[in-house]
PDB file of N, CA and C in Angstrom:
ATOM      1  N   MET A   1     -45.545  57.568  -4.457  1.00  0.00           N
ATOM      2  CA  MET A   1     -46.325  56.949  -5.257  1.00  0.00           C
ATOM      3  C   MET A   1     -47.497  58.201  -5.684  1.00  0.00           C
ATOM      4  N   GLY A   2     -47.048  58.537  -7.245  1.00  0.00           N
ATOM      5  CA  GLY A   2     -48.395  59.974  -7.545  1.00  0.00           C
ATOM      6  C   GLY A   2     -50.047  59.495  -7.147  1.00  0.00           C
ATOM      7  N   ARG A   3     -50.372  60.668  -7.775  1.00  0.00           N
ATOM      8  CA  ARG A   3     -52.317  60.245  -7.728  1.00  0.00           C
ATOM      9  C   ARG A   3     -52.815  59.145  -8.309  1.00  0.00           C
ATOM     10  N   ALA A   4     -53.628  58.443  -7.813  1.00  0.00           N
ATOM     11  CA  ALA A   4     -54.133  57.513  -8.353  1.00  0.00           C
ATOM     12  C   ALA A   4     -55.601  57.964  -8.689  1.00  0.00           C
ATOM     13  N   MET A   5     -55.843  56.834  -9.989  1.00  0.00           N
ATOM     14  CA  MET A   5     -56.700  57.407 -10.888  1.00  0.00           C
ATOM     15  C   MET A   5     -56.836  56.235 -11.728  1.00  0.00           C
ATOM     16  N   ILE A   6     -58.626  56.151 -11.540  1.00  0.00           N
ATOM     17  CA  ILE A   6     -59.017  55.271 -12.300  1.00  0.00           C
ATOM     18  C   ILE A   6     -58.783  55.526 -13.885  1.00  0.00           C
ATOM     19  N   ALA A   7     -57.985  54.102 -14.490  1.00  0.00           N
ATOM     20  CA  ALA A   7     -57.270  53.991 -15.972  1.00  0.00           C
ATOM     21  C   ALA A   7     -58.297  54.588 -17.210  1.00  0.00           C
ATOM     22  N   GLN A   8     -57.866  55.527 -17.506  1.00  0.00           N
ATOM     23  CA  GLN A   8     -58.625  56.321 -18.990  1.00  0.00           C
ATOM     24  C   GLN A   8     -57.688  56.649 -19.387  1.00  0.00           C
ATOM     25  N   PHE A   9     -56.941  55.729 -20.603  1.00  0.00           N
ATOM     26  CA  PHE A   9     -55.982  56.165 -21.498  1.00  0.00           C
ATOM     27  C   PHE A   9     -56.618  56.936 -22.396  1.00  0.00           C
ATOM     28  N   GLU A  10     -56.004  57.622 -23.349  1.00  0.00           N
ATOM     29  CA  GLU A  10     -56.226  58.000 -24.771  1.00  0.00           C
ATOM     30  C   GLU A  10     -55.467  57.391 -25.923  1.00  0.00           C
ATOM     31  N   ASP A  11     -56.320  56.580 -26.800  1.00  0.00           N
ATOM     32  CA  ASP A  11     -55.134  55.883 -27.709  1.00  0.00           C
ATOM     33  C   ASP A  11     -55.134  57.231 -28.259  1.00  0.00           C
ATOM     34  N   ASP A  12     -54.060  56.559 -29.029  1.00  0.00           N
ATOM     35  CA  ASP A  12     -53.289  57.582 -30.226  1.00  0.00           C
ATOM     36  C   ASP A  12     -52.547  56.791 -31.091  1.00  0.00           C
ATOM     37  N   ASP A  13     -52.127  57.224 -32.207  1.00  0.00           N
ATOM     38  CA  ASP A  13     -50.787  56.461 -33.429  1.00  0.00           C
ATOM     39  C   ASP A  13     -50.106  55.530 -32.371  1.00  0.00           C
ATOM     40  N   ASP A  14     -49.851  56.085 -31.494  1.00  0.00           N
ATOM     41  CA  ASP A  14     -48.285  55.707 -31.101  1.00  0.00           C
ATOM     42  C   ASP A  14     -48.552  54.613 -29.831  1.00  0.00           C
ATOM     43  N   GLY A  15     -49.946  54.305 -29.447  1.00  0.00           N
ATOM     44  CA  GLY A  15     -50.452  53.552 -28.585  1.00  0.00           C
ATOM     45  C   GLY A  15     -50.665  54.176 -27.030  1.00  0.00           C
ATOM     46  N   THR A  16     -50.573  54.231 -25.669  1.00  0.00           N
ATOM     47  CA  THR A  16     -51.091  54.730 -24.823  1.00  0.00           C
ATOM     48  C   THR A  16     -50.897  55.873 -24.421  1.00  0.00           C
ATOM     49  N   SER A  17     -51.221  56.632 -23.801  1.00  0.00           N
ATOM     50  CA  SER A  17     -50.871  58.117 -23.484  1.00  0.00           C
ATOM     51  C   SER A  17     -51.429  58.207 -21.851  1.00  0.00           C
ATOM     52  N   CYS A  18     -50.499  59.149 -21.138  1.00  0.00           N
ATOM     53  CA  CYS A  18     -51.077  59.345 -19.979  1.00  0.00           C
ATOM     54  C   CYS A  18     -51.791  60.354 -19.406  1.00  0.00           C
ATOM     55  N   GLN A  19     -53.143  60.346 -19.067  1.00  0.00           N
ATOM     56  CA  GLN A  19     -54.230  61.256 -18.883  1.00  0.00           C
ATOM     57  C   GLN A  19     -53.892  62.235 -18.403  1.00  0.00           C
ATOM     58  N   GLU A  20     -52.282  62.655 -17.139  1.00  0.00           N
ATOM     59  CA  GLU A  20     -52.057  63.928 -16.768  1.00  0.00           C
ATOM     60  C   GLU A  20     -51.332  64.428 -17.857  1.00  0.00           C
ATOM     61  N   CYS A  21     -50.201  64.138 -17.895  1.00  0.00           N
ATOM     62  CA  CYS A  21     -49.392  64.897 -18.706  1.00  0.00           C
ATOM     63  C   CYS A  21     -49.121  64.512 -20.191  1.00  0.00           C
ATOM     64  N   GLY A  22     -49.964  63.299 -20.926  1.00  0.00           N
ATOM     65  CA  GLY A  22     -49.856  63.481 -22.430  1.00  0.00           C
ATOM     66  C   GLY A  22     -48.830  62.261 -22.577  1.00  0.00           C
ATOM     67  N   SER A  23     -47.683  62.163 -21.404  1.00  0.00           N
ATOM     68  CA  SER A  23     -46.582  61.434 -22.123  1.00  0.00           C
ATOM     69  C   SER A  23     -47.169  59.776 -22.794  1.00  0.00           C
ATOM     70  N   LEU A  24     -46.312  59.597 -23.141  1.00  0.00           N
ATOM     71  CA  LEU A  24     -46.304  58.026 -23.859  1.00  0.00           C
ATOM     72  C   LEU A  24     -45.378  57.043 -23.232  1.00  0.00           C
ATOM     73  N   ARG A  25     -45.120  57.094 -22.164  1.00  0.00           N
ATOM     74  CA  ARG A  25     -44.163  56.566 -21.149  1.00  0.00           C
ATOM     75  C   ARG A  25     -44.335  55.890 -20.167  1.00  0.00           C
ATOM     76  N   VAL A  26     -46.057  55.057 -20.361  1.00  0.00           N
ATOM     77  CA  VAL A  26     -46.320  54.902 -19.319  1.00  0.00           C
ATOM     78  C   VAL A  26     -46.066  53.072 -19.353  1.00  0.00           C
ATOM     79  N   HIS A  27     -46.023  52.213 -18.322  1.00  0.00           N
ATOM     80  CA  HIS A  27     -46.043  50.912 -18.171  1.00  0.00           C
ATOM     81  C   HIS A  27     -46.987  50.416 -16.914  1.00  0.00           C
ATOM     82  N   SER A  28     -46.891  49.048 -17.033  1.00  0.00           N
ATOM     83  CA  SER A  28     -47.715  48.180 -15.964  1.00  0.00           C
ATOM     84  C   SER A  28     -46.451  47.604 -15.130  1.00  0.00           C
ATOM     85  N   THR A  29     -47.294  47.885 -13.752  1.00  0.00           N
ATOM     86  CA  THR A  29     -46.214  47.288 -12.922  1.00  0.00           C
ATOM     87  C   THR A  29     -47.232  46.692 -11.520  1.00  0.00           C
ATOM     88  N   LEU A  30     -46.690  46.743 -10.467  1.00  0.00           N
ATOM     89  CA  LEU A  30     -47.379  46.383  -8.919  1.00  0.00           C
ATOM     90  C   LEU A  30     -46.864  48.080  -8.044  1.00  0.00           C
ATOM     91  N   VAL A  31     -47.810  48.241  -7.847  1.00  0.00           N
ATOM     92  CA  VAL A  31     -47.595  49.410  -6.756  1.00  0.00           C
ATOM     93  C   VAL A  31     -47.672  49.095  -5.378  1.00  0.00           C
ATOM     94  N   ARG A  32     -47.978  49.941  -4.424  1.00  0.00           N
ATOM     95  CA  ARG A  32     -48.363  49.730  -2.812  1.00  0.00           C
ATOM     96  C   ARG A  32     -48.986  51.336  -2.790  1.00  0.00           C
ATOM     97  N   SER A  33     -49.779  50.956  -2.007  1.00  0.00           N
ATOM     98  CA  SER A  33     -50.673  52.380  -1.533  1.00  0.00           C
ATOM     99  C   SER A  33     -50.809  52.265   0.229  1.00  0.00           C
ATOM    100  N   THR A  34     -51.368  53.285   0.687  1.00  0.00           N
ATOM    101  CA  THR A  34     -51.350  53.132   2.435  1.00  0.00           C
ATOM    102  C   THR A  34     -52.556  54.022   2.559  1.00  0.00           C
ATOM    103  N   PHE A  35     -53.789  53.465   3.167  1.00  0.00           N
ATOM    104  CA  PHE A  35     -54.652  54.679   3.430  1.00  0.00           C
ATOM    105  C   PHE A  35     -55.018  54.509   5.059  1.00  0.00           C
ATOM    106  N   TRP A  36     -56.043  55.625   5.763  1.00  0.00           N
ATOM    107  CA  TRP A  36     -56.037  55.468   6.877  1.00  0.00           C
ATOM    108  C   TRP A  36     -57.581  55.042   7.335  1.00  0.00           C
ATOM    109  N   HIS A  37     -57.498  54.309   8.573  1.00  0.00           N
ATOM    110  CA  HIS A  37     -58.890  53.639   8.587  1.00  0.00           C
ATOM    111  C   HIS A  37     -59.129  53.813  10.148  1.00  0.00           C
ATOM    112  N   GLU A  38     -59.853  54.680  10.476  1.00  0.00           N
ATOM    113  CA  GLU A  38     -59.958  55.363  11.633  1.00  0.00           C
ATOM    114  C   GLU A  38     -58.652  55.661  12.773  1.00  0.00           C
ATOM    115  N   GLU A  39     -57.921  54.967  13.125  1.00  0.00           N
ATOM    116  CA  GLU A  39     -56.665  55.672  13.696  1.00  0.00           C
ATOM    117  C   GLU A  39     -55.429  54.408  13.344  1.00  0.00           C
ATOM    118  N   ARG A  40     -55.974  53.727  12.300  1.00  0.00           N
ATOM    119  CA  ARG A  40     -54.730  52.457  12.101  1.00  0.00           C
ATOM    120  C   ARG A  40     -54.879  52.929  10.503  1.00  0.00           C
ATOM    121  N   LEU A  41     -53.044  52.724  10.317  1.00  0.00           N
ATOM    122  CA  LEU A  41     -52.634  53.103   8.610  1.00  0.00           C
ATOM    123  C   LEU A  41     -52.260  51.725   8.121  1.00  0.00           C
ATOM    124  N   VAL A  42     -53.142  51.255   6.793  1.00  0.00           N
ATOM    125  CA  VAL A  42     -53.314  50.230   6.426  1.00  0.00           C
ATOM    126  C   VAL A  42     -52.142  50.422   5.041  1.00  0.00           C
ATOM    127  N   ALA A  43     -51.342  49.368   4.849  1.00  0.00           N
ATOM    128  CA  ALA A  43     -50.533  49.282   3.519  1.00  0.00           C
ATOM    129  C   ALA A  43     -51.140  48.130   2.749  1.00  0.00           C
ATOM    130  N   VAL A  44     -50.847  48.498   1.544  1.00  0.00           N
ATOM    131  CA  VAL A  44     -51.522  47.440   0.378  1.00  0.00           C
ATOM    132  C   VAL A  44     -50.397  47.373  -0.568  1.00  0.00           C
ATOM    133  N   GLU A  45     -49.987  45.899  -0.629  1.00  0.00           N
ATOM    134  CA  GLU A  45     -48.887  45.971  -1.760  1.00  0.00           C
ATOM    135  C   GLU A  45     -49.136  44.971  -3.194  1.00  0.00           C
ATOM    136  N   ASN A  46     -48.465  45.360  -3.991  1.00  0.00           N
ATOM    137  CA  ASN A  46     -48.892  44.557  -5.531  1.00  0.00           C
ATOM    138  C   ASN A  46     -50.095  44.572  -5.897  1.00  0.00           C
ATOM    139  N   ILE A  47     -50.143  45.710  -6.200  1.00  0.00           N
ATOM    140  CA  ILE A  47     -51.714  46.289  -6.844  1.00  0.00           C
ATOM    141  C   ILE A  47     -51.145  46.709  -8.268  1.00  0.00           C
ATOM    142  N   PRO A  48     -51.923  46.008  -9.311  1.00  0.00           N
ATOM    143  CA  PRO A  48     -51.921  46.296 -10.282  1.00  0.00           C
ATOM    144  C   PRO A  48     -52.015  47.736 -11.157  1.00  0.00           C
ATOM    145  N   ALA A  49     -51.689  48.136 -11.392  1.00  0.00           N
ATOM    146  CA  ALA A  49     -51.417  49.413 -11.696  1.00  0.00           C
ATOM    147  C   ALA A  49     -50.785  49.797 -13.393  1.00  0.00           C
ATOM    148  N   THR A  50     -50.798  51.090 -13.851  1.00  0.00           N
ATOM    149  CA  THR A  50     -49.983  51.691 -15.113  1.00  0.00           C
ATOM    150  C   THR A  50     -49.754  52.769 -14.687  1.00  0.00           C
ATOM    151  N   VAL A  51     -48.323  53.194 -14.477  1.00  0.00           N
ATOM    152  CA  VAL A  51     -47.585  54.319 -14.131  1.00  0.00           C
ATOM    153  C   VAL A  51     -46.993  54.912 -14.911  1.00  0.00           C
ATOM    154  N   CYS A  52     -46.969  56.443 -14.816  1.00  0.00           N
ATOM    155  CA  CYS A  52     -46.574  57.091 -15.890  1.00  0.00           C
ATOM    156  C   CYS A  52     -45.209  57.683 -15.712  1.00  0.00           C
ATOM    157  N   GLU A  53     -44.220  57.183 -16.782  1.00  0.00           N
ATOM    158  CA  GLU A  53     -42.794  57.407 -16.038  1.00  0.00           C
ATOM    159  C   GLU A  53     -42.222  59.059 -16.468  1.00  0.00           C
ATOM    160  N   ASN A  54     -43.326  60.201 -16.445  1.00  0.00           N
ATOM    161  CA  ASN A  54     -42.848  61.150 -16.273  1.00  0.00           C
ATOM    162  C   ASN A  54     -43.250  61.749 -15.138  1.00  0.00           C
ATOM    163  N   CYS A  55     -44.898  61.368 -14.993  1.00  0.00           N
ATOM    164  CA  CYS A  55     -45.318  62.600 -13.715  1.00  0.00           C
ATOM    165  C   CYS A  55     -45.519  61.550 -12.735  1.00  0.00           C
ATOM    166  N   GLN A  56     -45.668  60.418 -12.700  1.00  0.00           N
ATOM    167  CA  GLN A  56     -45.214  59.114 -12.005  1.00  0.00           C
ATOM    168  C   GLN A  56     -47.181  59.050 -11.317  1.00  0.00           C
ATOM    169  N   ALA A  57     -47.615  59.618 -12.128  1.00  0.00           N
ATOM    170  CA  ALA A  57     -49.052  59.575 -11.992  1.00  0.00           C
ATOM    171  C   ALA A  57     -49.511  57.427 -12.093  1.00  0.00           C
ATOM    172  N   SER A  58     -50.379  57.235 -10.802  1.00  0.00           N
ATOM    173  CA  SER A  58     -51.020  55.652 -11.127  1.00  0.00           C
ATOM    174  C   SER A  58     -52.088  55.616 -11.435  1.00  0.00           C
ATOM    175  N   PHE A  59     -52.469  54.853 -12.428  1.00  0.00           N
ATOM    176  CA  PHE A  59     -53.555  54.477 -13.286  1.00  0.00           C
ATOM    177  C   PHE A  59     -54.142  52.792 -12.404  1.00  0.00           C
ATOM    178  N   PHE A  60     -55.258  52.835 -12.036  1.00  0.00           N
ATOM    179  CA  PHE A  60     -56.192  51.738 -11.632  1.00  0.00           C
ATOM    180  C   PHE A  60     -57.408  51.221 -12.541  1.00  0.00           C
ATOM    181  N   ALA A  61     -57.505  49.780 -12.963  1.00  0.00           N
ATOM    182  CA  ALA A  61     -58.247  49.460 -13.528  1.00  0.00           C
ATOM    183  C   ALA A  61     -59.505  49.709 -13.085  1.00  0.00           C
ATOM    184  N   ARG A  62     -60.734  50.122 -13.189  1.00  0.00           N
ATOM    185  CA  ARG A  62     -61.922  49.906 -12.528  1.00  0.00           C
ATOM    186  C   ARG A  62     -62.632  48.960 -11.339  1.00  0.00           C
ATOM    187  N   GLU A  63     -61.791  47.473 -11.902  1.00  0.00           N
ATOM    188  CA  GLU A  63     -61.917  46.681 -11.009  1.00  0.00           C
ATOM    189  C   GLU A  63     -61.134  46.453  -9.506  1.00  0.00           C
ATOM    190  N   VAL A  64     -60.171  46.923 -10.011  1.00  0.00           N
ATOM    191  CA  VAL A  64     -58.959  47.033  -9.036  1.00  0.00           C
ATOM    192  C   VAL A  64     -59.270  48.449  -8.148  1.00  0.00           C
ATOM    193  N   ALA A  65     -59.822  49.226  -8.401  1.00  0.00           N
ATOM    194  CA  ALA A  65     -59.939  50.931  -8.090  1.00  0.00           C
ATOM    195  C   ALA A  65     -61.129  50.468  -6.879  1.00  0.00           C
ATOM    196  N   GLY A  66     -62.166  49.348  -7.474  1.00  0.00           N
ATOM    197  CA  GLY A  66     -63.379  49.359  -6.852  1.00  0.00           C
ATOM    198  C   GLY A  66     -63.113  48.243  -5.519  1.00  0.00           C
ATOM    199  N   ALA A  67     -62.097  47.377  -5.679  1.00  0.00           N
ATOM    200  CA  ALA A  67     -61.721  46.687  -4.643  1.00  0.00           C
ATOM    201  C   ALA A  67     -60.646  47.462  -3.905  1.00  0.00           C
ATOM    202  N   LEU A  68     -60.192  48.279  -4.213  1.00  0.00           N
ATOM    203  CA  LEU A  68     -59.225  49.118  -3.028  1.00  0.00           C
ATOM    204  C   LEU A  68     -60.432  50.225  -2.146  1.00  0.00           C
ATOM    205  N   ASP A  69     -61.570  50.606  -2.613  1.00  0.00           N
ATOM    206  CA  ASP A  69     -62.670  51.050  -2.208  1.00  0.00           C
ATOM    207  C   ASP A  69     -62.790  50.582  -1.154  1.00  0.00           C
ATOM    208  N   LEU A  70     -63.567  49.263  -1.402  1.00  0.00           N
ATOM    209  CA  LEU A  70     -63.660  48.092  -0.666  1.00  0.00           C
ATOM    210  C   LEU A  70     -62.856  48.285   0.312  1.00  0.00           C
ATOM    211  N   MET A  71     -61.908  47.880   0.484  1.00  0.00           N
ATOM    212  CA  MET A  71     -60.570  47.918   1.733  1.00  0.00           C
ATOM    213  C   MET A  71     -60.692  49.082   2.160  1.00  0.00           C
ATOM    214  N   ARG A  72     -60.790  50.523   1.616  1.00  0.00           N
ATOM    215  CA  ARG A  72     -60.730  51.382   2.539  1.00  0.00           C
ATOM    216  C   ARG A  72     -62.156  51.373   3.578  1.00  0.00           C
ATOM    217  N   VAL A  73     -63.296  50.659   3.212  1.00  0.00           N
ATOM    218  CA  VAL A  73     -64.242  51.164   3.323  1.00  0.00           C
ATOM    219  C   VAL A  73     -64.298  50.443   4.851  1.00  0.00           C
ATOM    220  N   GLY A  74     -63.946  48.820   4.743  1.00  0.00           N
ATOM    221  CA  GLY A  74     -63.530  47.915   5.449  1.00  0.00           C
ATOM    222  C   GLY A  74     -62.754  47.811   6.363  1.00  0.00           C
ATOM    223  N   GLY A  75     -61.614  48.986   6.152  1.00  0.00           N
ATOM    224  CA  GLY A  75     -60.244  48.930   7.206  1.00  0.00           C
ATOM    225  C   GLY A  75     -59.156  48.279   6.514  1.00  0.00           C
ATOM    226  N   HIS A  76     -59.551  47.309   5.965  1.00  0.00           N
ATOM    227  CA  HIS A  76     -58.485  46.007   5.653  1.00  0.00           C
ATOM    228  C   HIS A  76     -58.848  45.361   4.816  1.00  0.00           C
ATOM    229  N   PRO A  77     -57.907  44.544   3.543  1.00  0.00           N
ATOM    230  CA  PRO A  77     -58.228  43.255   3.163  1.00  0.00           C
ATOM    231  C   PRO A  77     -58.689  42.006   3.992  1.00  0.00           C
ATOM    232  N   VAL A  78     -59.749  41.464   3.624  1.00  0.00           N
ATOM    233  CA  VAL A  78     -60.052  40.159   4.138  1.00  0.00           C
ATOM    234  C   VAL A  78     -58.550  39.373   4.573  1.00  0.00           C
ATOM    235  N   GLY A  79     -58.401  38.655   5.746  1.00  0.00           N
ATOM    236  CA  GLY A  79     -57.711  37.506   6.080  1.00  0.00           C
ATOM    237  C   GLY A  79     -56.358  38.291   7.017  1.00  0.00           C
ATOM    238  N   GLU A  80     -55.408  37.818   6.904  1.00  0.00           N
ATOM    239  CA  GLU A  80     -54.102  37.800   7.906  1.00  0.00           C
ATOM    240  C   GLU A  80     -53.535  38.762   6.968  1.00  0.00           C
ATOM    241  N   PRO A  81     -52.560  39.863   7.805  1.00  0.00           N
ATOM    242  CA  PRO A  81     -51.767  40.620   6.925  1.00  0.00           C
ATOM    243  C   PRO A  81     -50.272  39.818   6.578  1.00  0.00           C
ATOM    244  N   SER A  82     -49.968  39.974   5.489  1.00  0.00           N
ATOM    245  CA  SER A  82     -48.349  39.084   4.924  1.00  0.00           C
ATOM    246  C   SER A  82     -47.555  39.594   5.515  1.00  0.00           C
ATOM    247  N   LYS A  83     -47.238  41.345   6.019  1.00  0.00           N
ATOM    248  CA  LYS A  83     -46.406  41.573   7.578  1.00  0.00           C
ATOM    249  C   LYS A  83     -46.717  42.283   8.118  1.00  0.00           C
ATOM    250  N   MET A  84     -45.625  43.003   8.929  1.00  0.00           N
ATOM    251  CA  MET A  84     -46.419  44.338   9.622  1.00  0.00           C
ATOM    252  C   MET A  84     -45.041  45.390   9.467  1.00  0.00           C
ATOM    253  N   LEU A  85     -45.299  46.459   9.501  1.00  0.00           N
ATOM    254  CA  LEU A  85     -44.772  47.565   9.592  1.00  0.00           C
ATOM    255  C   LEU A  85     -44.608  48.370  10.342  1.00  0.00           C
ATOM    256  N   LEU A  86     -42.949  48.955  11.358  1.00  0.00           N
ATOM    257  CA  LEU A  86     -43.188  49.825  12.132  1.00  0.00           C
ATOM    258  C   LEU A  86     -43.115  50.786  11.498  1.00  0.00           C
ATOM    259  N   VAL A  87     -43.726  52.014  11.881  1.00  0.00           N
ATOM    260  CA  VAL A  87     -43.849  53.469  11.400  1.00  0.00           C
ATOM    261  C   VAL A  87     -43.693  54.412  12.235  1.00  0.00           C
ATOM    262  N   PRO A  88     -42.230  55.293  12.077  1.00  0.00           N
ATOM    263  CA  PRO A  88     -42.127  56.205  12.745  1.00  0.00           C
ATOM    264  C   PRO A  88     -43.382  57.809  12.748  1.00  0.00           C
ATOM    265  N   VAL A  89     -43.708  58.189  13.324  1.00  0.00           N
ATOM    266  CA  VAL A  89     -44.659  59.405  13.597  1.00  0.00           C
ATOM    267  C   VAL A  89     -43.796  60.383  14.071  1.00  0.00           C
ATOM    268  N   TYR A  90     -44.062  61.849  13.473  1.00  0.00           N
ATOM    269  CA  TYR A  90     -43.585  62.890  13.781  1.00  0.00           C
ATOM    270  C   TYR A  90     -44.771  64.146  14.008  1.00  0.00           C
ATOM    271  N   GLU A  91     -44.512  65.097  14.915  1.00  0.00           N
ATOM    272  CA  GLU A  91     -45.338  66.047  14.970  1.00  0.00           C
ATOM    273  C   GLU A  91     -44.919  67.273  14.096  1.00  0.00           C
ATOM    274  N   PHE A  92     -45.684  67.286  13.536  1.00  0.00           N
ATOM    275  CA  PHE A  92     -45.748  68.785  12.410  1.00  0.00           C
ATOM    276  C   PHE A  92     -44.653  70.184  13.329  1.00  0.00           C
ATOM    277  N   GLN A  93     -45.417  70.334  14.137  1.00  0.00           N
ATOM    278  CA  GLN A  93     -44.989  71.153  14.620  1.00  0.00           C
ATOM    279  C   GLN A  93     -43.627  71.183  15.438  1.00  0.00           C
ATOM    280  N   ASP A  94     -43.053  70.043  15.207  1.00  0.00           N
ATOM    281  CA  ASP A  94     -41.431  70.139  15.681  1.00  0.00           C
ATOM    282  C   ASP A  94     -40.643  70.184  14.577  1.00  0.00           C
ATOM    283  N   MET A  95     -41.120  70.589  13.628  1.00  0.00           N
ATOM    284  CA  MET A  95     -40.188  70.152  12.593  1.00  0.00           C
ATOM    285  C   MET A  95     -39.714  71.730  11.990  1.00  0.00           C
ATOM    286  N   ALA A  96     -38.550  71.801  11.919  1.00  0.00           N
ATOM    287  CA  ALA A  96     -38.485  73.310  11.256  1.00  0.00           C
ATOM    288  C   ALA A  96     -37.597  73.533  10.061  1.00  0.00           C
ATOM    289  N   TRP A  97     -38.564  74.164   9.187  1.00  0.00           N
ATOM    290  CA  TRP A  97     -38.047  73.858   7.363  1.00  0.00           C
ATOM    291  C   TRP A  97     -37.459  75.175   7.308  1.00  0.00           C
ATOM    292  N   GLY A  98     -36.025  74.296   6.522  1.00  0.00           N
ATOM    293  CA  GLY A  98     -34.902  75.717   5.989  1.00  0.00           C
ATOM    294  C   GLY A  98     -34.463  76.110   6.849  1.00  0.00           C
ATOM    295  N   ALA A  99     -34.023  75.776   8.498  1.00  0.00           N
ATOM    296  CA  ALA A  99     -33.554  76.651   9.156  1.00  0.00           C
ATOM    297  C   ALA A  99     -31.562  75.839   9.002  1.00  0.00           C
ATOM    298  N   SER A 100     -30.863  76.704   9.180  1.00  0.00           N
ATOM    299  CA  SER A 100     -29.849  76.406   9.348  1.00  0.00           C
ATOM    300  C   SER A 100     -29.077  76.605  10.497  1.00  0.00           C
ATOM    301  N   ALA A 101     -27.801  75.367  10.732  1.00  0.00           N
ATOM    302  CA  ALA A 101     -27.113  75.402  12.108  1.00  0.00           C
ATOM    303  C   ALA A 101     -26.604  76.791  12.258  1.00  0.00           C
ATOM    304  N   ASP A 102     -25.987  77.291  11.576  1.00  0.00           N
ATOM    305  CA  ASP A 102     -25.390  78.557  12.408  1.00  0.00           C
ATOM    306  C   ASP A 102     -26.284  80.023  12.372  1.00  0.00           C
ATOM    307  N   GLU A 103     -27.586  79.587  12.258  1.00  0.00           N
ATOM    308  CA  GLU A 103     -28.728  80.714  12.992  1.00  0.00           C
ATOM    309  C   GLU A 103     -28.962  80.577  14.687  1.00  0.00           C
ATOM    310  N   PRO A 104     -28.904  81.648  14.973  1.00  0.00           N
ATOM    311  CA  PRO A 104     -29.345  81.636  16.514  1.00  0.00           C
ATOM    312  C   PRO A 104     -30.320  80.813  16.704  1.00  0.00           C
ATOM    313  N   GLU A 105     -30.443  80.471  18.139  1.00  0.00           N
ATOM    314  CA  GLU A 105     -31.538  79.844  18.397  1.00  0.00           C
ATOM    315  C   GLU A 105     -32.561  80.366  18.729  1.00  0.00           C
ATOM    316  N   SER A 106     -33.937  80.026  18.420  1.00  0.00           N
ATOM    317  CA  SER A 106     -35.198  80.655  18.436  1.00  0.00           C
ATOM    318  C   SER A 106     -35.452  81.166  19.757  1.00  0.00           C
ATOM    319  N   ASP A 107     -36.401  82.366  19.999  1.00  0.00           N
ATOM    320  CA  ASP A 107     -36.906  83.051  21.237  1.00  0.00           C
ATOM    321  C   ASP A 107     -37.967  82.298  21.316  1.00  0.00           C
ATOM    322  N   GLN A 108     -38.436  81.649  20.603  1.00  0.00           N
ATOM    323  CA  GLN A 108     -39.765  80.895  20.801  1.00  0.00           C
ATOM    324  C   GLN A 108     -39.569  79.939  21.977  1.00  0.00           C
ATOM    325  N   PRO A 109     -40.556  79.690  22.981  1.00  0.00           N
ATOM    326  CA  PRO A 109     -40.217  78.651  24.042  1.00  0.00           C
ATOM    327  C   PRO A 109     -40.712  77.242  23.421  1.00  0.00           C
ATOM    328  N   ASP A 110     -41.223  77.336  22.822  1.00  0.00           N
ATOM    329  CA  ASP A 110     -41.667  75.669  21.987  1.00  0.00           C
ATOM    330  C   ASP A 110     -40.960  75.342  20.779  1.00  0.00           C
ATOM    331  N   ALA A 111     -40.101  75.735  20.421  1.00  0.00           N
ATOM    332  CA  ALA A 111     -39.165  75.643  19.355  1.00  0.00           C
ATOM    333  C   ALA A 111     -38.486  74.784  19.774  1.00  0.00           C
ATOM    334  N   PRO A 112     -38.225  73.698  19.095  1.00  0.00           N
ATOM    335  CA  PRO A 112     -37.221  72.485  19.141  1.00  0.00           C
ATOM    336  C   PRO A 112     -35.304  73.013  19.170  1.00  0.00           C
ATOM    337  N   PRO A 113     -34.586  72.224  19.807  1.00  0.00           N
ATOM    338  CA  PRO A 113     -33.313  73.021  20.162  1.00  0.00           C
ATOM    339  C   PRO A 113     -33.126  72.873  18.945  1.00  0.00           C
ATOM    340  N   ARG A 114     -32.041  73.752  17.946  1.00  0.00           N
ATOM    341  CA  ARG A 114     -31.252  74.075  16.860  1.00  0.00           C
ATOM    342  C   ARG A 114     -30.719  72.489  16.700  1.00  0.00           C
ATOM    343  N   ARG A 115     -29.818  72.141  17.379  1.00  0.00           N
ATOM    344  CA  ARG A 115     -29.451  71.091  16.988  1.00  0.00           C
ATOM    345  C   ARG A 115     -30.273  69.652  16.482  1.00  0.00           C
ATOM    346  N   LEU A 116     -31.283  69.483  17.088  1.00  0.00           N
ATOM    347  CA  LEU A 116     -32.162  68.809  16.608  1.00  0.00           C
ATOM    348  C   LEU A 116     -32.763  69.049  15.170  1.00  0.00           C
ATOM    349  N   ARG A 117     -33.156  70.353  14.985  1.00  0.00           N
ATOM    350  CA  ARG A 117     -33.927  70.479  14.097  1.00  0.00           C
ATOM    351  C   ARG A 117     -32.816  70.395  12.546  1.00  0.00           C
ATOM    352  N   SER A 118     -31.361  70.884  12.828  1.00  0.00           N
ATOM    353  CA  SER A 118     -30.385  70.183  11.888  1.00  0.00           C
ATOM    354  C   SER A 118     -30.573  68.585  11.575  1.00  0.00           C
ATOM    355  N   GLN A 119     -30.675  67.967  12.820  1.00  0.00           N
ATOM    356  CA  GLN A 119     -30.016  66.321  12.249  1.00  0.00           C
ATOM    357  C   GLN A 119     -31.680  65.794  11.486  1.00  0.00           C
ATOM    358  N   LEU A 120     -32.784  66.407  11.877  1.00  0.00           N
ATOM    359  CA  LEU A 120     -33.813  66.143  11.154  1.00  0.00           C
ATOM    360  C   LEU A 120     -33.495  66.196   9.457  1.00  0.00           C
ATOM    361  N   PHE A 121     -32.914  67.105   9.061  1.00  0.00           N
ATOM    362  CA  PHE A 121     -33.006  67.014   7.564  1.00  0.00           C
ATOM    363  C   PHE A 121     -31.690  67.555   7.307  1.00  0.00           C
TER     364      PHE A 121
END
C-alpha cells in the first residue's frame, strides 16, 4: 500500500483528483494496513479508503484515520482477531543486494554463503 493520508481531494470539472500526483484515476476500495505496537505486528483488513491507480497513494476519511490512530495507540482493535498470520522475519545484515552467483565468495567472515544470497533474490 502506498502512503496513507487523510482524504483531501481537489474538486475539478471532471471529478476528484489525487492530492499526490493529480491523477483522476482514483477509486473507493477496502485496503489493509499494518502497524507495530511494542513487539507486536498488528494487521487491520477491510479499511475503507480511496486509492489512486496511478501512484498507489491511499487516502482515508477523517473518521477512518481517527479510528486507525486509536488502534495504534491501544495496540489493536477491540475484540478478538478474525485470523492470525505467520510472518517471516529476516535480518537486514543477512541480505546481499545485487550479488550474482558467479561472483567469488566474500572475504568478510560474517557474509552469508553465495548460494544462500542467490536463493533469497
